[in-house]
Amino acid sequence: MNWSQLFSSSIGKKIVMALTGVFLVIFLVVHCYVNANVFFTNGAENFNRAAHFMGTNLLIRVTEIGLFAGFILHIVQGYKLELHNRGSRKSRYAVSAGNKTSKWYSRSMAILGTLILLFLIMHLIHFWVPSRFTGLPEVQYGNDATIYHNLYLQMQNTFAEPWVVIVYILGCFSLSWHLLHGVQSAAQTLGWTNKSYMPMIKTIGISFSIIVPLIFALMPLFIYFGWELNTGGLTLLF
């Protein structure tokens, strides 16, 4: 089997899904870590500084191109795999046969993926498009001559609407379910199935699928209600 045949096959599609999924999981960790600045004292300044670093660092800007490519490839391959599985009438990407919960994950992957895609488009319109193209209010801090995009103010304006907060929370819930199945499926596809460390992978996958989306879901709630963790000026990154 040549490379073309491999990546056009069902297992090839699963490999692409797994590899791009791992790449996107790394992005989620970084994105979550930066965004968590909003929870703490001086959250506005810390978040805007972090966003400025992410938006001006050359390496990150280059990686951003790969990120978009990874998203597109993951989405396209996901839908191709779903269509293939429907056509073959086999169990859809199940984690384990006979597990009703896993089968529910499998049946819902396309639906959850579509909801996450719509949520992602909404998120890009709210934050990425203004920061890259249409412009944002600017702010300076103390004696720092750097002019920062006030992305925190954009968040405040966006999450002032209750319906937006609800949509974001639902999007994070969909992400959690998607990850809960996807992490374990990726481990199986990539051959990480050794009995000695499979329980650890499963535990990490479940923990990640709950903690990261929960942090993302708490962000709009913190902004909407004006909450803040008083930590004496703790800054996560900057």
Foldseek 3Di string as FASTA:
>chain_A
DDPVVQCVDLLNLLQLLLVLVVVVLVVLVVVLLLQLLCQAVVSQVLNQVSVVCCVPPPVNVVVVVVNVVSLVSNLVSVVVSVVVCVVVVDQQLFLDPPDPVSSVLRVCLNVLSVLLVVVVVVVCVQQVCQVPPVHADWDDDDPDPDITGSSVVSLLVQLLDVVSLVSLLVSLVSQLSNQLNSQSSSCVSVPVPPPVCSVVSNVVSNCSSPPSSVSSSCSSVCSNVVHHDYDPPDRSPD
